[in-house]
Amino acid sequence: MIEPLVSVLLPTRGRPQALRESVGSLFETAGDRNAFEVLYAVDADDQEDTLTVVDQMMLDGGRHRVKIFQERHGYANLHEYVNYLAGRPYGWAGPAGDWLMLWNDDAIMQTYGWDWRIRELPCRFILDTWTNHPTLTCTFPIVPRAWVETIGHFSLNAHCDTWWQLIGEWTHRLVRADIDVQHNRFDLTGQNHDLTYEQGRLQHQTISFYSAATTELIKQDASVVMGLVEAQRNRRLQGRTDWE
């Protein structure tokens, strides 16, 4: 079987119906249903209803893999789920796609052929999408897997999206792809006003993210990305066939 183009990283909790709609929108709008895989992070105390939905979606086809977390990290440590899905810790095969796309269980894909839009772009940028957020925020970053593997993590803070937005801005590698996503978060659309939203609102604090220590960590990751970009550029200038 051909490896997927995109690995979707999807931590989820307490939203079986929203999860079905969210993942369903990815498959319904994809130009090629086999062009991506969905990697789920599920808490052990939340797996019954969630896994029932995942099992049903598996019957509909597509690529799905689930990691059950015995320890609940919560929204304050959302990056722990994402880093696990994006990495290759013992017992987890890791993502297979060339791109890693951060996704939410309250997000709805709006663009038909979104996978084709990604395939059109070289895997040497950080891709952003159009959303219903009032400001241009990189809510659903799409990142080259090779970069994440070299850095050794996706993010070191729960604000995984803004982490890559800043890397993209500082390295001038952030590109807005022609992809639209509806974020059905309660404060944006009035939908999904549930315990998951309330817990996330309370735990997903920004104070630590905007500290000098976090800024330095992001700068270190940005430096690694610039090194990878420069190495790629040098290979291209040397006429090497492996420059991509």
Protein backbone atom coordinates (compact mmCIF):
# COMPACT_ATOMS: atom_id res chain seq x y z
CA MET A 1 0.00 0.00 0.00
CA ILE A 2 1.25 3.48 -0.88
CA GLU A 3 2.17 5.60 2.14
CA PRO A 4 -0.24 8.46 2.92
CA LEU A 5 0.58 12.06 2.06
CA VAL A 6 -0.76 13.51 5.33
CA SER A 7 -0.90 12.24 8.90
CA VAL A 8 -3.69 13.94 10.85
CA LEU A 9 -2.87 14.38 14.56
CA LEU A 10 -6.11 14.37 16.54
CA PRO A 11 -6.31 14.38 20.36
CA THR A 12 -9.97 13.97 21.32
CA ARG A 13 -12.04 13.73 24.49
CA GLY A 14 -15.73 13.53 25.34
CA ARG A 15 -17.05 14.34 21.89
CA PRO A 16 -18.00 11.17 20.01
CA GLN A 17 -20.61 12.86 17.80
CA ALA A 18 -18.45 15.91 17.06
CA LEU A 19 -15.53 13.58 16.37
CA ARG A 20 -17.61 11.62 13.85
CA GLU A 21 -18.58 14.85 12.07
CA SER A 22 -15.04 16.23 12.14
CA VAL A 23 -13.29 13.15 10.76
CA GLY A 24 -16.20 12.52 8.42
CA SER A 25 -15.67 15.95 6.88
CA LEU A 26 -12.05 15.04 6.09
CA PHE A 27 -13.08 11.89 4.24
CA GLU A 28 -16.10 13.46 2.54
CA THR A 29 -14.02 16.30 1.07
CA ALA A 30 -10.77 14.44 0.29
CA GLY A 31 -9.90 13.93 -3.34
CA ASP A 32 -8.28 10.64 -2.36
CA ARG A 33 -9.53 8.93 0.81
CA ASN A 34 -6.28 6.98 1.01
CA ALA A 35 -4.09 10.08 0.84
CA PHE A 36 -4.18 10.56 4.62
CA GLU A 37 -4.32 8.73 7.90
CA VAL A 38 -5.95 9.83 11.16
CA LEU A 39 -4.00 9.28 14.38
CA TYR A 40 -6.15 9.58 17.51
CA ALA A 41 -5.04 10.28 21.09
CA VAL A 42 -7.69 9.01 23.51
CA ASP A 43 -7.72 9.03 27.32
CA ALA A 44 -8.25 5.62 28.94
CA ASP A 45 -11.20 6.91 30.99
CA ASP A 46 -12.89 8.23 27.84
CA GLN A 47 -12.33 5.41 25.40
CA GLU A 48 -15.65 3.56 25.43
CA ASP A 49 -17.82 6.02 23.47
CA THR A 50 -14.91 7.44 21.49
CA LEU A 51 -13.61 4.07 20.33
CA THR A 52 -17.12 3.01 19.35
CA VAL A 53 -17.21 5.94 16.93
CA VAL A 54 -13.69 5.23 15.66
CA ASP A 55 -14.57 1.57 15.08
CA GLN A 56 -17.63 2.60 13.09
CA MET A 57 -15.55 4.98 10.97
CA MET A 58 -13.00 2.23 10.33
CA LEU A 59 -15.77 0.14 8.81
CA ASP A 60 -16.32 2.97 6.33
CA GLY A 61 -12.72 2.67 5.17
CA GLY A 62 -9.72 4.93 5.39
CA ARG A 63 -6.64 4.74 7.57
CA HIS A 64 -7.11 5.05 11.32
CA ARG A 65 -4.81 4.38 14.27
CA VAL A 66 -5.49 4.94 17.97
CA LYS A 67 -3.23 5.47 20.96
CA ILE A 68 -4.84 5.02 24.40
CA PHE A 69 -3.26 7.15 27.14
CA GLN A 70 -3.46 5.65 30.61
CA GLU A 71 -2.38 8.98 32.10
CA ARG A 72 -4.62 11.90 31.32
CA HIS A 73 -2.53 14.92 30.35
CA GLY A 74 -5.41 17.35 29.88
CA TYR A 75 -5.47 20.56 27.89
CA ALA A 76 -2.69 22.09 29.95
CA ASN A 77 -0.40 19.47 28.45
CA LEU A 78 -2.02 19.00 25.06
CA HIS A 79 1.42 18.85 23.47
CA GLU A 80 2.13 15.56 25.25
CA TYR A 81 -0.57 13.87 23.15
CA VAL A 82 0.56 15.56 19.96
CA ASN A 83 4.25 14.82 20.51
CA TYR A 84 3.47 11.14 21.04
CA LEU A 85 1.39 10.88 17.87
CA ALA A 86 4.02 12.79 15.87
CA GLY A 87 6.96 10.78 17.20
CA ARG A 88 8.12 7.20 17.31
CA PRO A 89 8.18 6.20 20.98
CA TYR A 90 8.48 2.53 21.87
CA GLY A 91 5.38 0.65 20.76
CA TRP A 92 4.13 3.33 18.36
CA ALA A 93 5.02 3.16 14.68
CA GLY A 94 4.69 6.91 14.27
CA PRO A 95 3.16 8.90 11.42
CA ALA A 96 3.69 7.79 7.84
CA GLY A 97 2.70 10.95 5.98
CA ASP A 98 5.13 13.49 4.55
CA TRP A 99 3.01 16.18 6.23
CA LEU A 100 1.66 16.35 9.79
CA MET A 101 -1.64 18.22 10.16
CA LEU A 102 -2.83 19.27 13.60
CA TRP A 103 -6.60 18.79 13.84
CA ASN A 104 -9.42 19.30 16.35
CA ASP A 105 -12.51 17.25 17.09
CA ASP A 106 -14.60 20.42 16.64
CA ALA A 107 -13.18 21.29 13.20
CA ILE A 108 -14.99 20.78 9.89
CA MET A 109 -13.12 20.66 6.59
CA GLN A 110 -14.80 22.90 4.00
CA THR A 111 -12.58 22.49 0.93
CA TYR A 112 -13.13 19.66 -1.51
CA GLY A 113 -9.81 18.21 -2.60
CA TRP A 114 -7.92 19.64 0.39
CA ASP A 115 -5.39 16.83 0.05
CA TRP A 116 -4.81 17.81 -3.57
CA ARG A 117 -4.10 21.39 -2.45
CA ILE A 118 -1.44 20.09 -0.07
CA ARG A 119 0.07 17.82 -2.72
CA GLU A 120 0.57 20.84 -4.99
CA LEU A 121 2.93 22.47 -2.49
CA PRO A 122 6.57 21.47 -1.86
CA CYS A 123 7.25 19.92 1.52
CA ARG A 124 9.48 22.75 2.67
CA PHE A 125 6.98 25.20 4.12
CA ILE A 126 4.64 25.44 7.10
CA LEU A 127 1.10 25.51 5.72
CA ASP A 128 -1.73 27.47 7.27
CA THR A 129 -5.45 27.31 6.46
CA TRP A 130 -8.26 29.83 6.23
CA THR A 131 -10.60 29.64 9.24
CA ASN A 132 -13.50 31.51 10.85
CA HIS A 133 -11.24 32.94 13.54
CA PRO A 134 -11.47 36.74 13.74
CA THR A 135 -7.72 37.14 13.28
CA LEU A 136 -5.31 35.30 11.02
CA THR A 137 -4.12 32.59 13.36
CA CYS A 138 -2.44 29.36 12.34
CA THR A 139 -5.00 27.14 14.08
CA PHE A 140 -4.46 24.00 12.00
CA PRO A 141 -0.77 24.00 10.98
CA ILE A 142 0.44 21.50 8.40
CA VAL A 143 4.13 20.79 8.95
CA PRO A 144 6.76 18.66 7.15
CA ARG A 145 7.23 15.45 9.12
CA ALA A 146 10.98 15.51 8.44
CA TRP A 147 11.27 18.81 10.28
CA VAL A 148 9.42 17.50 13.33
CA GLU A 149 11.54 14.35 13.38
CA THR A 150 14.76 16.38 13.24
CA ILE A 151 13.62 18.75 16.00
CA GLY A 152 12.48 15.83 18.13
CA HIS A 153 9.02 17.13 19.04
CA PHE A 154 6.01 18.92 17.61
CA SER A 155 5.72 21.44 20.43
CA LEU A 156 6.89 21.97 24.01
CA ASN A 157 3.78 23.91 25.00
CA ALA A 158 0.04 23.26 24.83
CA HIS A 159 -0.28 26.01 22.19
CA CYS A 160 0.93 23.66 19.45
CA ASP A 161 -0.64 25.77 16.72
CA THR A 162 0.91 29.09 17.73
CA TRP A 163 4.24 27.34 18.27
CA TRP A 164 4.44 26.58 14.54
CA GLN A 165 2.90 29.88 13.54
CA LEU A 166 5.80 31.71 15.21
CA ILE A 167 8.37 29.36 13.70
CA GLY A 168 6.83 30.03 10.30
CA GLU A 169 6.80 33.79 10.78
CA TRP A 170 10.35 33.96 12.13
CA THR A 171 11.74 31.79 9.32
CA HIS A 172 9.50 33.27 6.58
CA ARG A 173 8.29 29.74 5.76
CA LEU A 174 4.60 30.22 6.62
CA VAL A 175 2.32 29.83 3.59
CA ARG A 176 -1.47 30.06 3.65
CA ALA A 177 -2.83 27.18 1.61
CA ASP A 178 -6.11 27.49 -0.29
CA ILE A 179 -7.93 25.38 2.30
CA ASP A 180 -10.93 26.46 4.40
CA VAL A 181 -11.75 25.02 7.82
CA GLN A 182 -14.78 25.80 9.97
CA HIS A 183 -13.82 25.74 13.65
CA ASN A 184 -17.00 24.90 15.53
CA ARG A 185 -15.72 26.08 18.88
CA PHE A 186 -18.40 27.46 21.18
CA ASP A 187 -17.04 31.01 21.35
CA LEU A 188 -16.89 31.13 17.54
CA THR A 189 -20.07 29.37 16.38
CA GLY A 190 -22.08 28.60 19.52
CA GLN A 191 -21.62 24.87 18.97
CA ASN A 192 -19.98 22.27 21.25
CA HIS A 193 -20.62 24.06 24.53
CA ASP A 194 -19.69 21.03 26.59
CA LEU A 195 -17.44 19.90 29.42
CA THR A 196 -14.53 19.47 27.01
CA TYR A 197 -14.82 23.13 25.98
CA GLU A 198 -15.09 24.39 29.56
CA GLN A 199 -12.13 22.33 30.75
CA GLY A 200 -10.10 23.48 27.79
CA ARG A 201 -10.97 27.13 28.44
CA LEU A 202 -9.82 26.83 32.04
CA GLN A 203 -6.68 24.77 31.43
CA HIS A 204 -5.46 26.19 28.11
CA GLN A 205 -3.66 29.16 29.65
CA THR A 206 -1.40 31.51 27.72
CA ILE A 207 0.81 32.88 30.50
CA SER A 208 3.54 30.25 30.18
CA PHE A 209 3.49 30.43 26.40
CA TYR A 210 4.46 34.08 26.29
CA SER A 211 7.30 33.70 28.77
CA ALA A 212 10.91 34.41 27.85
CA ALA A 213 11.76 30.73 28.40
CA THR A 214 9.15 29.53 25.89
CA THR A 215 10.21 32.14 23.37
CA GLU A 216 13.77 30.86 23.58
CA LEU A 217 12.62 27.28 22.97
CA ILE A 218 10.65 28.33 19.89
CA LYS A 219 13.66 30.24 18.60
CA GLN A 220 15.77 27.09 18.97
CA ASP A 221 13.27 25.14 16.88
CA ALA A 222 13.17 27.94 14.31
CA SER A 223 16.96 27.79 14.09
CA VAL A 224 16.78 24.07 13.33
CA VAL A 225 14.20 24.71 10.61
CA MET A 226 16.41 27.38 9.02
CA GLY A 227 19.30 24.94 9.06
CA LEU A 228 17.19 22.36 7.24
CA VAL A 229 16.05 24.93 4.67
CA GLU A 230 19.62 26.09 4.06
CA ALA A 231 20.87 22.52 3.67
CA GLN A 232 18.10 21.84 1.17
CA ARG A 233 18.96 25.01 -0.77
CA ASN A 234 22.64 24.03 -0.88
CA ARG A 235 21.81 20.58 -2.24
CA ARG A 236 19.69 22.18 -4.95
CA LEU A 237 22.47 24.63 -5.92
CA GLN A 238 24.89 21.71 -6.13
CA GLY A 239 22.59 20.07 -8.65
CA ARG A 240 21.97 17.04 -6.44
CA THR A 241 18.93 14.93 -7.21
CA ASP A 242 18.17 14.40 -3.51
CA TRP A 243 17.73 18.11 -2.73
CA GLU A 244 13.99 17.75 -2.09
